[in-house]
C-alpha atoms as a PDB file:
ATOM      1  CA  UNK A   1       0.000   0.000   0.000  1.00  0.00           C
ATOM      2  CA  UNK A   2       1.341   3.388  -0.981  1.00  0.00           C
ATOM      3  CA  UNK A   3       1.551   5.635   2.100  1.00  0.00           C
ATOM      4  CA  UNK A   4       3.319   8.513   0.371  1.00  0.00           C
ATOM      5  CA  UNK A   5       1.452  11.746   1.229  1.00  0.00           C
ATOM      6  CA  UNK A   6      -0.392  13.202  -1.751  1.00  0.00           C
ATOM      7  CA  UNK A   7       0.482  16.796  -2.627  1.00  0.00           C
ATOM      8  CA  UNK A   8      -2.043  19.473  -1.856  1.00  0.00           C
ATOM      9  CA  UNK A   9      -3.621  20.787  -5.096  1.00  0.00           C
ATOM     10  CA  UNK A  10      -2.720  24.310  -3.959  1.00  0.00           C
ATOM     11  CA  UNK A  11       0.942  23.383  -4.128  1.00  0.00           C
ATOM     12  CA  UNK A  12       0.818  22.487  -7.814  1.00  0.00           C
ATOM     13  CA  UNK A  13       2.729  24.786 -10.157  1.00  0.00           C
ATOM     14  CA  UNK A  14       1.087  27.408 -12.361  1.00  0.00           C
ATOM     15  CA  UNK A  15      -1.986  27.859 -10.168  1.00  0.00           C
ATOM     16  CA  UNK A  16      -4.131  30.715 -11.466  1.00  0.00           C
ATOM     17  CA  UNK A  17      -6.272  33.370  -9.873  1.00  0.00           C
ATOM     18  CA  UNK A  18      -9.816  32.941 -11.172  1.00  0.00           C
ATOM     19  CA  UNK A  19     -12.570  35.491 -11.726  1.00  0.00           C
ATOM     20  CA  UNK A  20     -16.200  34.957 -12.717  1.00  0.00           C
ATOM     21  CA  UNK A  21     -18.259  37.451 -14.718  1.00  0.00           C
ATOM     22  CA  UNK A  22     -21.873  36.381 -14.416  1.00  0.00           C
ATOM     23  CA  UNK A  23     -22.873  34.340 -11.357  1.00  0.00           C
ATOM     24  CA  UNK A  24     -25.591  32.321 -13.038  1.00  0.00           C
ATOM     25  CA  UNK A  25     -25.762  28.580 -12.556  1.00  0.00           C
ATOM     26  CA  UNK A  26     -22.613  27.759 -14.534  1.00  0.00           C
ATOM     27  CA  UNK A  27     -19.888  30.183 -13.488  1.00  0.00           C
ATOM     28  CA  UNK A  28     -19.725  29.546  -9.734  1.00  0.00           C
ATOM     29  CA  UNK A  29     -19.788  25.770 -10.296  1.00  0.00           C
ATOM     30  CA  UNK A  30     -16.865  25.904 -12.719  1.00  0.00           C
ATOM     31  CA  UNK A  31     -14.905  28.213 -10.427  1.00  0.00           C
ATOM     32  CA  UNK A  32     -15.559  25.889  -7.487  1.00  0.00           C
ATOM     33  CA  UNK A  33     -14.327  22.978  -9.567  1.00  0.00           C
ATOM     34  CA  UNK A  34     -11.177  24.873 -10.511  1.00  0.00           C
ATOM     35  CA  UNK A  35     -10.682  25.658  -6.828  1.00  0.00           C
ATOM     36  CA  UNK A  36     -10.655  21.921  -6.095  1.00  0.00           C
ATOM     37  CA  UNK A  37      -7.860  21.626  -8.660  1.00  0.00           C
ATOM     38  CA  UNK A  38      -5.821  24.194  -6.751  1.00  0.00           C
ATOM     39  CA  UNK A  39      -6.683  27.413  -8.565  1.00  0.00           C
ATOM     40  CA  UNK A  40      -7.805  30.392  -6.501  1.00  0.00           C
ATOM     41  CA  UNK A  41     -11.105  32.209  -7.095  1.00  0.00           C
ATOM     42  CA  UNK A  42     -10.554  35.870  -6.247  1.00  0.00           C
ATOM     43  CA  UNK A  43     -13.577  37.797  -7.556  1.00  0.00           C
ATOM     44  CA  UNK A  44     -17.066  37.336  -8.944  1.00  0.00           C
ATOM     45  CA  UNK A  45     -19.601  39.704 -10.468  1.00  0.00           C
ATOM     46  CA  UNK A  46     -23.246  39.203  -9.524  1.00  0.00           C
ATOM     47  CA  UNK A  47     -26.230  41.506  -9.933  1.00  0.00           C
ATOM     48  CA  UNK A  48     -29.419  39.812  -8.777  1.00  0.00           C
ATOM     49  CA  UNK A  49     -30.090  38.627  -5.246  1.00  0.00           C
ATOM     50  CA  UNK A  50     -30.256  35.056  -6.515  1.00  0.00           C
ATOM     51  CA  UNK A  51     -26.865  35.275  -8.198  1.00  0.00           C
ATOM     52  CA  UNK A  52     -25.332  36.819  -5.070  1.00  0.00           C
ATOM     53  CA  UNK A  53     -26.702  33.985  -2.951  1.00  0.00           C
ATOM     54  CA  UNK A  54     -25.405  31.452  -5.454  1.00  0.00           C
ATOM     55  CA  UNK A  55     -21.952  33.008  -5.431  1.00  0.00           C
ATOM     56  CA  UNK A  56     -21.883  33.098  -1.628  1.00  0.00           C
ATOM     57  CA  UNK A  57     -22.923  29.450  -1.439  1.00  0.00           C
ATOM     58  CA  UNK A  58     -20.494  28.017  -3.991  1.00  0.00           C
ATOM     59  CA  UNK A  59     -17.669  30.546  -3.582  1.00  0.00           C
ATOM     60  CA  UNK A  60     -17.726  31.627   0.066  1.00  0.00           C
ATOM     61  CA  UNK A  61     -15.462  34.524   1.000  1.00  0.00           C
ATOM     62  CA  UNK A  62     -14.916  35.471  -2.661  1.00  0.00           C
ATOM     63  CA  UNK A  63     -15.756  39.187  -3.017  1.00  0.00           C
ATOM     64  CA  UNK A  64     -18.473  40.417  -5.362  1.00  0.00           C
ATOM     65  CA  UNK A  65     -17.433  43.323  -7.570  1.00  0.00           C
ATOM     66  CA  UNK A  66     -18.037  44.891 -10.997  1.00  0.00           C
ATOM     67  CA  UNK A  67     -16.813  43.009 -14.090  1.00  0.00           C
ATOM     68  CA  UNK A  68     -13.924  45.396 -14.735  1.00  0.00           C
ATOM     69  CA  UNK A  69     -12.629  44.792 -11.215  1.00  0.00           C
ATOM     70  CA  UNK A  70     -12.950  41.040 -11.683  1.00  0.00           C
ATOM     71  CA  UNK A  71     -10.699  41.234 -14.740  1.00  0.00           C
ATOM     72  CA  UNK A  72      -8.219  43.407 -12.878  1.00  0.00           C
ATOM     73  CA  UNK A  73      -7.752  40.723 -10.202  1.00  0.00           C
ATOM     74  CA  UNK A  74      -7.851  37.488 -12.187  1.00  0.00           C
ATOM     75  CA  UNK A  75      -5.455  35.713 -14.518  1.00  0.00           C
ATOM     76  CA  UNK A  76      -8.228  33.371 -15.705  1.00  0.00           C
ATOM     77  CA  UNK A  77     -11.656  34.919 -16.258  1.00  0.00           C
ATOM     78  CA  UNK A  78     -14.832  32.907 -16.816  1.00  0.00           C
ATOM     79  CA  UNK A  79     -17.443  34.783 -18.865  1.00  0.00           C
ATOM     80  CA  UNK A  80     -20.613  32.930 -17.937  1.00  0.00           C
ATOM     81  CA  UNK A  81     -23.377  35.189 -19.210  1.00  0.00           C
ATOM     82  CA  UNK A  82     -26.310  34.365 -21.543  1.00  0.00           C
ATOM     83  CA  UNK A  83     -25.355  33.775 -25.176  1.00  0.00           C
ATOM     84  CA  UNK A  84     -27.054  36.910 -26.457  1.00  0.00           C
ATOM     85  CA  UNK A  85     -25.211  39.093 -23.928  1.00  0.00           C
ATOM     86  CA  UNK A  86     -21.757  37.704 -24.638  1.00  0.00           C
ATOM     87  CA  UNK A  87     -20.685  39.702 -27.743  1.00  0.00           C
ATOM     88  CA  UNK A  88     -21.522  43.082 -26.202  1.00  0.00           C
ATOM     89  CA  UNK A  89     -19.859  42.115 -22.930  1.00  0.00           C
ATOM     90  CA  UNK A  90     -16.615  41.154 -24.671  1.00  0.00           C
ATOM     91  CA  UNK A  91     -16.615  44.306 -26.786  1.00  0.00           C
ATOM     92  CA  UNK A  92     -17.307  46.491 -23.762  1.00  0.00           C
ATOM     93  CA  UNK A  93     -14.544  44.936 -21.679  1.00  0.00           C
ATOM     94  CA  UNK A  94     -12.057  45.323 -24.524  1.00  0.00           C
ATOM     95  CA  UNK A  95     -13.090  48.905 -25.330  1.00  0.00           C
ATOM     96  CA  UNK A  96     -12.735  50.027 -21.719  1.00  0.00           C
ATOM     97  CA  UNK A  97      -9.234  48.585 -21.392  1.00  0.00           C
ATOM     98  CA  UNK A  98     -10.281  45.965 -18.853  1.00  0.00           C
ATOM     99  CA  UNK A  99      -8.604  43.117 -20.748  1.00  0.00           C
ATOM    100  CA  UNK A 100      -4.924  42.518 -20.026  1.00  0.00           C
ATOM    101  CA  UNK A 101      -2.346  40.936 -22.351  1.00  0.00           C
ATOM    102  CA  UNK A 102      -1.787  37.294 -21.497  1.00  0.00           C
ATOM    103  CA  UNK A 103      -5.057  36.986 -19.591  1.00  0.00           C
ATOM    104  CA  UNK A 104      -6.973  33.743 -20.173  1.00  0.00           C
ATOM    105  CA  UNK A 105     -10.511  34.654 -21.173  1.00  0.00           C
ATOM    106  CA  UNK A 106     -12.911  31.717 -21.165  1.00  0.00           C
ATOM    107  CA  UNK A 107     -16.553  31.782 -22.215  1.00  0.00           C
ATOM    108  CA  UNK A 108     -18.979  28.901 -21.666  1.00  0.00           C
ATOM    109  CA  UNK A 109     -21.475  29.559 -24.472  1.00  0.00           C
ATOM    110  CA  UNK A 110     -22.398  26.563 -26.576  1.00  0.00           C
ATOM    111  CA  UNK A 111     -23.394  28.704 -29.529  1.00  0.00           C
ATOM    112  CA  UNK A 112     -20.132  30.595 -29.966  1.00  0.00           C
ATOM    113  CA  UNK A 113     -16.604  29.462 -30.641  1.00  0.00           C
ATOM    114  CA  UNK A 114     -13.482  31.488 -29.992  1.00  0.00           C
ATOM    115  CA  UNK A 115     -14.146  34.218 -32.580  1.00  0.00           C
ATOM    116  CA  UNK A 116     -16.660  35.982 -30.367  1.00  0.00           C
ATOM    117  CA  UNK A 117     -13.639  36.809 -28.186  1.00  0.00           C
ATOM    118  CA  UNK A 118     -11.780  38.539 -31.062  1.00  0.00           C
ATOM    119  CA  UNK A 119     -12.078  42.017 -29.459  1.00  0.00           C
ATOM    120  CA  UNK A 120     -10.317  40.649 -26.377  1.00  0.00           C
ATOM    121  CA  UNK A 121      -7.799  38.799 -28.542  1.00  0.00           C
ATOM    122  CA  UNK A 122      -6.822  42.096 -30.159  1.00  0.00           C
ATOM    123  CA  UNK A 123      -6.256  43.432 -26.633  1.00  0.00           C
ATOM    124  CA  UNK A 124      -3.828  40.592 -25.978  1.00  0.00           C
ATOM    125  CA  UNK A 125      -6.082  38.087 -24.195  1.00  0.00           C
ATOM    126  CA  UNK A 126      -5.902  34.323 -24.753  1.00  0.00           C
ATOM    127  CA  UNK A 127      -9.379  33.200 -25.951  1.00  0.00           C
ATOM    128  CA  UNK A 128     -10.933  29.851 -25.013  1.00  0.00           C
ATOM    129  CA  UNK A 129     -14.466  28.488 -25.552  1.00  0.00           C
ATOM    130  CA  UNK A 130     -15.220  25.741 -23.005  1.00  0.00           C
ATOM    131  CA  UNK A 131     -18.854  24.666 -22.998  1.00  0.00           C
ATOM    132  CA  UNK A 132     -19.893  21.992 -20.473  1.00  0.00           C
ATOM    133  CA  UNK A 133     -22.470  19.641 -21.970  1.00  0.00           C
ATOM    134  CA  UNK A 134     -24.397  19.508 -18.724  1.00  0.00           C
ATOM    135  CA  UNK A 135     -27.523  20.953 -17.196  1.00  0.00           C
ATOM    136  CA  UNK A 136     -26.910  23.057 -14.078  1.00  0.00           C
ATOM    137  CA  UNK A 137     -28.981  23.608 -10.941  1.00  0.00           C
ATOM    138  CA  UNK A 138     -26.961  26.340  -9.229  1.00  0.00           C
ATOM    139  CA  UNK A 139     -26.175  24.052  -6.283  1.00  0.00           C
ATOM    140  CA  UNK A 140     -23.060  22.140  -5.163  1.00  0.00           C
ATOM    141  CA  UNK A 141     -24.291  19.004  -6.963  1.00  0.00           C
ATOM    142  CA  UNK A 142     -23.188  20.704 -10.204  1.00  0.00           C
ATOM    143  CA  UNK A 143     -19.546  20.405  -9.184  1.00  0.00           C
ATOM    144  CA  UNK A 144     -19.955  16.655  -8.740  1.00  0.00           C
ATOM    145  CA  UNK A 145     -21.692  16.307 -12.108  1.00  0.00           C
ATOM    146  CA  UNK A 146     -18.712  17.795 -13.912  1.00  0.00           C
ATOM    147  CA  UNK A 147     -16.836  14.537 -13.293  1.00  0.00           C
ATOM    148  CA  UNK A 148     -16.865  12.808 -16.680  1.00  0.00           C
ATOM    149  CA  UNK A 149     -18.860  15.622 -18.320  1.00  0.00           C
ATOM    150  CA  UNK A 150     -17.975  16.357 -21.933  1.00  0.00           C
ATOM    151  CA  UNK A 151     -16.913  19.916 -22.778  1.00  0.00           C
ATOM    152  CA  UNK A 152     -17.170  21.379 -26.260  1.00  0.00           C
ATOM    153  CA  UNK A 153     -13.734  22.986 -26.715  1.00  0.00           C
ATOM    154  CA  UNK A 154     -12.830  25.606 -29.332  1.00  0.00           C
ATOM    155  CA  UNK A 155      -9.653  27.698 -29.241  1.00  0.00           C
ATOM    156  CA  UNK A 156      -6.743  28.748 -31.423  1.00  0.00           C
ATOM    157  CA  UNK A 157      -4.525  25.766 -32.169  1.00  0.00           C
ATOM    158  CA  UNK A 158      -1.700  27.131 -30.029  1.00  0.00           C
ATOM    159  CA  UNK A 159      -4.042  27.203 -27.012  1.00  0.00           C
ATOM    160  CA  UNK A 160      -5.569  23.788 -27.556  1.00  0.00           C
ATOM    161  CA  UNK A 161      -3.467  22.057 -24.904  1.00  0.00           C
ATOM    162  CA  UNK A 162      -4.200  24.769 -22.346  1.00  0.00           C
ATOM    163  CA  UNK A 163      -7.935  24.535 -23.028  1.00  0.00           C
ATOM    164  CA  UNK A 164      -7.981  20.776 -22.756  1.00  0.00           C
ATOM    165  CA  UNK A 165      -5.891  20.874 -19.567  1.00  0.00           C
ATOM    166  CA  UNK A 166      -8.402  23.178 -17.872  1.00  0.00           C
ATOM    167  CA  UNK A 167     -11.267  20.867 -18.798  1.00  0.00           C
ATOM    168  CA  UNK A 168      -9.425  17.853 -17.428  1.00  0.00           C
ATOM    169  CA  UNK A 169      -8.672  19.734 -14.194  1.00  0.00           C
ATOM    170  CA  UNK A 170     -12.413  20.293 -13.775  1.00  0.00           C
ATOM    171  CA  UNK A 171     -12.954  16.550 -14.155  1.00  0.00           C
ATOM    172  CA  UNK A 172     -14.360  16.874 -17.660  1.00  0.00           C
ATOM    173  CA  UNK A 173     -13.643  15.258 -21.010  1.00  0.00           C
ATOM    174  CA  UNK A 174     -12.569  17.664 -23.787  1.00  0.00           C
ATOM    175  CA  UNK A 175     -14.258  17.276 -27.170  1.00  0.00           C
ATOM    176  CA  UNK A 176     -12.828  19.490 -29.917  1.00  0.00           C
ATOM    177  CA  UNK A 177     -15.506  21.391 -31.890  1.00  0.00           C
ATOM    178  CA  UNK A 178     -14.562  23.340 -35.015  1.00  0.00           C
ATOM    179  CA  UNK A 179     -15.508  27.014 -34.951  1.00  0.00           C
ATOM    180  CA  UNK A 180     -17.961  26.679 -37.855  1.00  0.00           C
ATOM    181  CA  UNK A 181     -19.695  23.706 -36.192  1.00  0.00           C
ATOM    182  CA  UNK A 182     -20.514  25.383 -32.888  1.00  0.00           C
ATOM    183  CA  UNK A 183     -24.131  26.336 -33.751  1.00  0.00           C
ATOM    184  CA  UNK A 184     -24.876  22.808 -35.008  1.00  0.00           C
ATOM    185  CA  UNK A 185     -23.224  21.287 -31.940  1.00  0.00           C
ATOM    186  CA  UNK A 186     -25.295  23.498 -29.652  1.00  0.00           C
ATOM    187  CA  UNK A 187     -28.517  22.785 -31.563  1.00  0.00           C
ATOM    188  CA  UNK A 188     -27.930  19.056 -31.089  1.00  0.00           C
ATOM    189  CA  UNK A 189     -27.550  19.457 -27.329  1.00  0.00           C
ATOM    190  CA  UNK A 190     -30.614  21.691 -27.062  1.00  0.00           C
ATOM    191  CA  UNK A 191     -32.658  19.251 -29.144  1.00  0.00           C
ATOM    192  CA  UNK A 192     -31.735  16.406 -26.832  1.00  0.00           C
ATOM    193  CA  UNK A 193     -31.586  17.957 -23.367  1.00  0.00           C
ATOM    194  CA  UNK A 194     -33.893  20.990 -23.404  1.00  0.00           C
ATOM    195  CA  UNK A 195     -36.671  19.289 -25.352  1.00  0.00           C
ATOM    196  CA  UNK A 196     -36.346  16.199 -23.169  1.00  0.00           C
ATOM    197  CA  UNK A 197     -37.328  18.280 -20.151  1.00  0.00           C
ATOM    198  CA  UNK A 198     -40.408  19.542 -21.993  1.00  0.00           C
ATOM    199  CA  UNK A 199     -41.394  16.034 -23.095  1.00  0.00           C
ATOM    200  CA  UNK A 200     -40.970  14.587 -19.618  1.00  0.00           C
ATOM    201  CA  UNK A 201     -42.889  17.432 -17.965  1.00  0.00           C
ATOM    202  CA  UNK A 202     -45.752  17.011 -20.441  1.00  0.00           C
ATOM    203  CA  UNK A 203     -45.796  13.247 -19.924  1.00  0.00           C
ATOM    204  CA  UNK A 204     -45.990  13.690 -16.135  1.00  0.00           C
ATOM    205  CA  UNK A 205     -48.875  16.135 -16.489  1.00  0.00           C
ATOM    206  CA  UNK A 206     -50.776  13.724 -18.731  1.00  0.00           C
ATOM    207  CA  UNK A 207     -50.212  10.804 -16.371  1.00  0.00           C
ATOM    208  CA  UNK A 208     -51.475  12.910 -13.479  1.00  0.00           C
ATOM    209  CA  UNK A 209     -54.580  13.740 -15.511  1.00  0.00           C
ATOM    210  CA  UNK A 210     -55.016  10.020 -16.164  1.00  0.00           C
ATOM    211  CA  UNK A 211     -55.049   9.364 -12.416  1.00  0.00           C
ATOM    212  CA  UNK A 212     -51.486   8.148 -11.882  1.00  0.00           C
ATOM    213  CA  UNK A 213     -50.481   9.094  -8.346  1.00  0.00           C
ATOM    214  CA  UNK A 214     -46.702   9.025  -8.858  1.00  0.00           C
ATOM    215  CA  UNK A 215     -45.922   9.822 -12.498  1.00  0.00           C
ATOM    216  CA  UNK A 216     -42.253  10.382 -11.731  1.00  0.00           C
ATOM    217  CA  UNK A 217     -41.930   6.882 -10.273  1.00  0.00           C
ATOM    218  CA  UNK A 218     -43.700   5.387 -13.268  1.00  0.00           C
ATOM    219  CA  UNK A 219     -41.633   7.261 -15.847  1.00  0.00           C
ATOM    220  CA  UNK A 220     -38.225   6.908 -14.171  1.00  0.00           C
ATOM    221  CA  UNK A 221     -37.466   3.273 -15.063  1.00  0.00           C
ATOM    222  CA  UNK A 222     -39.124   3.554 -18.484  1.00  0.00           C
ATOM    223  CA  UNK A 223     -37.277   6.684 -19.555  1.00  0.00           C
ATOM    224  CA  UNK A 224     -34.010   5.465 -18.060  1.00  0.00           C
ATOM    225  CA  UNK A 225     -34.240   2.279 -20.118  1.00  0.00           C
ATOM    226  CA  UNK A 226     -35.283   4.171 -23.246  1.00  0.00           C
ATOM    227  CA  UNK A 227     -32.345   6.560 -22.930  1.00  0.00           C
ATOM    228  CA  UNK A 228     -29.901   3.730 -22.334  1.00  0.00           C
ATOM    229  CA  UNK A 229     -31.255   1.772 -25.312  1.00  0.00           C
ATOM    230  CA  UNK A 230     -31.134   4.831 -27.565  1.00  0.00           C
ATOM    231  CA  UNK A 231     -27.537   5.649 -26.619  1.00  0.00           C
ATOM    232  CA  UNK A 232     -26.531   2.036 -27.222  1.00  0.00           C
ATOM    233  CA  UNK A 233     -28.542   1.240 -30.343  1.00  0.00           C
ATOM    234  CA  UNK A 234     -29.752   4.480 -31.944  1.00  0.00           C
ATOM    235  CA  UNK A 235     -32.845   4.082 -34.127  1.00  0.00           C
ATOM    236  CA  UNK A 236     -32.885   0.318 -33.523  1.00  0.00           C
ATOM    237  CA  UNK A 237     -34.200   1.135 -30.045  1.00  0.00           C
ATOM    238  CA  UNK A 238     -37.448   2.623 -31.407  1.00  0.00           C
ATOM    239  CA  UNK A 239     -40.574   0.972 -30.002  1.00  0.00           C
ATOM    240  CA  UNK A 240     -44.207   1.922 -29.575  1.00  0.00           C
ATOM    241  CA  UNK A 241     -47.224   2.421 -31.826  1.00  0.00           C
ATOM    242  CA  UNK A 242     -45.537   4.708 -34.361  1.00  0.00           C
ATOM    243  CA  UNK A 243     -42.650   2.329 -34.988  1.00  0.00           C
ATOM    244  CA  UNK A 244     -45.127  -0.572 -35.206  1.00  0.00           C
ATOM    245  CA  UNK A 245     -47.428   1.292 -37.571  1.00  0.00           C
ATOM    246  CA  UNK A 246     -50.462   1.141 -35.246  1.00  0.00           C
ATOM    247  CA  UNK A 247     -52.423   3.934 -36.933  1.00  0.00           C
ATOM    248  CA  UNK A 248     -55.537   3.312 -34.845  1.00  0.00           C
ATOM    249  CA  UNK A 249     -53.661   3.706 -31.571  1.00  0.00           C
ATOM    250  CA  UNK A 250     -52.012   6.908 -32.752  1.00  0.00           C
ATOM    251  CA  UNK A 251     -55.391   8.296 -33.861  1.00  0.00           C
ATOM    252  CA  UNK A 252     -56.793   7.517 -30.417  1.00  0.00           C
ATOM    253  CA  UNK A 253     -53.847   9.304 -28.828  1.00  0.00           C
ATOM    254  CA  UNK A 254     -54.510  12.422 -30.891  1.00  0.00           C
ATOM    255  CA  UNK A 255     -58.208  12.343 -29.997  1.00  0.00           C
ATOM    256  CA  UNK A 256     -57.476  12.126 -26.281  1.00  0.00           C
ATOM    257  CA  UNK A 257     -54.822  14.809 -26.407  1.00  0.00           C
ATOM    258  CA  UNK A 258     -57.209  17.184 -28.190  1.00  0.00           C
ATOM    259  CA  UNK A 259     -59.749  16.562 -25.446  1.00  0.00           C
ATOM    260  CA  UNK A 260     -57.482  16.764 -22.400  1.00  0.00           C
ATOM    261  CA  UNK A 261     -54.289  18.577 -23.429  1.00  0.00           C
ATOM    262  CA  UNK A 262     -54.668  20.433 -26.716  1.00  0.00           C
ATOM    263  CA  UNK A 263     -51.406  22.275 -26.068  1.00  0.00           C
ATOM    264  CA  UNK A 264     -49.552  18.948 -26.403  1.00  0.00           C
ATOM    265  CA  UNK A 265     -51.003  17.954 -29.790  1.00  0.00           C
ATOM    266  CA  UNK A 266     -48.561  19.859 -31.989  1.00  0.00           C
ATOM    267  CA  UNK A 267     -45.558  18.403 -30.189  1.00  0.00           C
ATOM    268  CA  UNK A 268     -46.965  14.876 -30.296  1.00  0.00           C
ATOM    269  CA  UNK A 269     -47.643  15.101 -34.036  1.00  0.00           C
ATOM    270  CA  UNK A 270     -44.239  16.584 -34.820  1.00  0.00           C
ATOM    271  CA  UNK A 271     -42.372  13.925 -32.844  1.00  0.00           C
ATOM    272  CA  UNK A 272     -44.579  11.136 -34.236  1.00  0.00           C
ATOM    273  CA  UNK A 273     -43.819  12.241 -37.811  1.00  0.00           C
ATOM    274  CA  UNK A 274     -40.101  12.383 -37.071  1.00  0.00           C
ATOM    275  CA  UNK A 275     -40.279   8.950 -35.422  1.00  0.00           C
ATOM    276  CA  UNK A 276     -42.206   7.508 -38.383  1.00  0.00           C
ATOM    277  CA  UNK A 277     -39.674   8.873 -40.859  1.00  0.00           C
ATOM    278  CA  UNK A 278     -36.762   7.360 -38.940  1.00  0.00           C
ATOM    279  CA  UNK A 279     -38.531   4.038 -38.371  1.00  0.00           C
ATOM    280  CA  UNK A 280     -39.386   3.806 -42.074  1.00  0.00           C
ATOM    281  CA  UNK A 281     -35.862   4.726 -43.182  1.00  0.00           C
ATOM    282  CA  UNK A 282     -34.355   2.063 -40.895  1.00  0.00           C
ATOM    283  CA  UNK A 283     -36.741  -0.715 -41.892  1.00  0.00           C
ATOM    284  CA  UNK A 284     -38.597  -0.831 -38.586  1.00  0.00           C
ATOM    285  CA  UNK A 285     -41.894   0.482 -39.942  1.00  0.00           C
ATOM    286  CA  UNK A 286     -43.381  -1.621 -42.721  1.00  0.00           C
ATOM    287  CA  UNK A 287     -44.197   0.465 -45.825  1.00  0.00           C
ATOM    288  CA  UNK A 288     -47.684  -1.070 -46.095  1.00  0.00           C
ATOM    289  CA  UNK A 289     -48.477   0.211 -42.585  1.00  0.00           C
ATOM    290  CA  UNK A 290     -46.827   3.576 -43.022  1.00  0.00           C
ATOM    291  CA  UNK A 291     -49.492   4.951 -45.371  1.00  0.00           C
ATOM    292  CA  UNK A 292     -52.342   4.781 -42.854  1.00  0.00           C
ATOM    293  CA  UNK A 293     -50.107   6.039 -40.075  1.00  0.00           C
ATOM    294  CA  UNK A 294     -48.875   9.033 -42.034  1.00  0.00           C
ATOM    295  CA  UNK A 295     -52.461   9.747 -43.038  1.00  0.00           C
ATOM    296  CA  UNK A 296     -53.440   9.988 -39.371  1.00  0.00           C
ATOM    297  CA  UNK A 297     -50.524  12.307 -38.679  1.00  0.00           C
ATOM    298  CA  UNK A 298     -51.338  14.475 -41.700  1.00  0.00           C
ATOM    299  CA  UNK A 299     -55.004  14.730 -40.691  1.00  0.00           C
ATOM    300  CA  UNK A 300     -53.871  16.007 -37.322  1.00  0.00           C
ATOM    301  CA  UNK A 301     -52.614  19.239 -38.868  1.00  0.00           C
ATOM    302  CA  UNK A 302     -55.983  20.476 -40.100  1.00  0.00           C
ATOM    303  CA  UNK A 303     -57.815  20.592 -36.781  1.00  0.00           C
ATOM    304  CA  UNK A 304     -59.351  17.120 -37.057  1.00  0.00           C
ATOM    305  CA  UNK A 305     -58.638  14.270 -34.730  1.00  0.00           C
ATOM    306  CA  UNK A 306     -57.546  11.807 -37.395  1.00  0.00           C
ATOM    307  CA  UNK A 307     -61.073  10.315 -37.721  1.00  0.00           C
ATOM    308  CA  UNK A 308     -64.079  10.881 -39.934  1.00  0.00           C
ATOM    309  CA  UNK A 309     -65.843  12.667 -37.106  1.00  0.00           C
ATOM    310  CA  UNK A 310     -67.035   9.599 -35.223  1.00  0.00           C
ATOM    311  CA  UNK A 311     -65.528   9.534 -31.744  1.00  0.00           C
ATOM    312  CA  UNK A 312     -63.323   6.489 -31.232  1.00  0.00           C
ATOM    313  CA  UNK A 313     -63.054   5.635 -34.948  1.00  0.00           C
ATOM    314  CA  UNK A 314     -59.479   4.541 -35.466  1.00  0.00           C
ATOM    315  CA  UNK A 315     -59.590   4.546 -39.271  1.00  0.00           C
END
C-alpha cells in the first residue's frame, strides 16, 4: 500500500487566480471545480439577489465586484453570461481597457466558438471556448456532475493544450468542436436535453390527468431504459405504436390529447412524424403500414382528430 502523502492541489505549479463574470448557474460551479484543482477564485460579479446567494454558497469569502474589477484581479476569467449578452460584454470589456495581455478569457457559451472573443484577442487576451455539456442547478451538486462531463472545446490551435488541460482539471472530457460547427453542436444538445425536459414534464402532467399518483416513479425506469437503449442502439431502439405502424392507436392518442391537453397535440404530431420517418428509413416500420399512419398524422394538422368525425373511430 502506498503511504506517500499526496500533494495538496494548492501546491501544484502554475496555479491561477480565477474570476467569474456572471454568477448564473454555470460560473460559480466551474470556479468551485477549478478551486478543487488548486486554482484560486478571487472575484465574482453578480447583480441579482439570486446570483449573489449562489456566489456566496459556492464561492464563500470570494468578493463580489463589478466586471472590470474582476478582470483586474484574475489571470483566468470565466465569462458565464447568456449567449445573447456575450458579444456586447466582450466588446465592452475590450473597449474600456479591462482586458490585459496574457489573460486567459474563457466563455462557456455553446453557440459561440473562440471568434466571439476577437475584441479581447486584439487586446492581448488568450481566448478559449469551453462549454460543459451539462444541465446546471446552481447548487453544489453541479460540481460533482462535472466529473466525466464532456466539454465542447474551441480555441486557437496554439491554445488547444491549455484549453484541454483546464477541462481535465475540472474533471471533464474535452471534445474538440470546429468554430464553424458550434451552432450545429449546440442545436444538437438543445434538441436532446432541453426538449427532453419539456417532453418529460408534459408526460408527467398527462399521467397525473389520467389518475397516476406518482408519475415520476412510473416514468423513471421507463425513460431510463429508453435513454440507455437509444444511446446504445440508436434508431434500432425505437418501439411503440408509431414504430409498429399502429395507426388506430395513434389516432386515439390524438383524440385524447385534443380533449385533455390540446397544447400537447402539436408536439406529439411533430415527434410522431419524425419517429415515423426514422422508423421507415431504418426498416422498422413496414411500408404497407406507413401509409395509414402518415395519413393519421397528416389529418392532425388540419384541426381534425384523425377520424371521420365519429368519436373512437381509429380509421
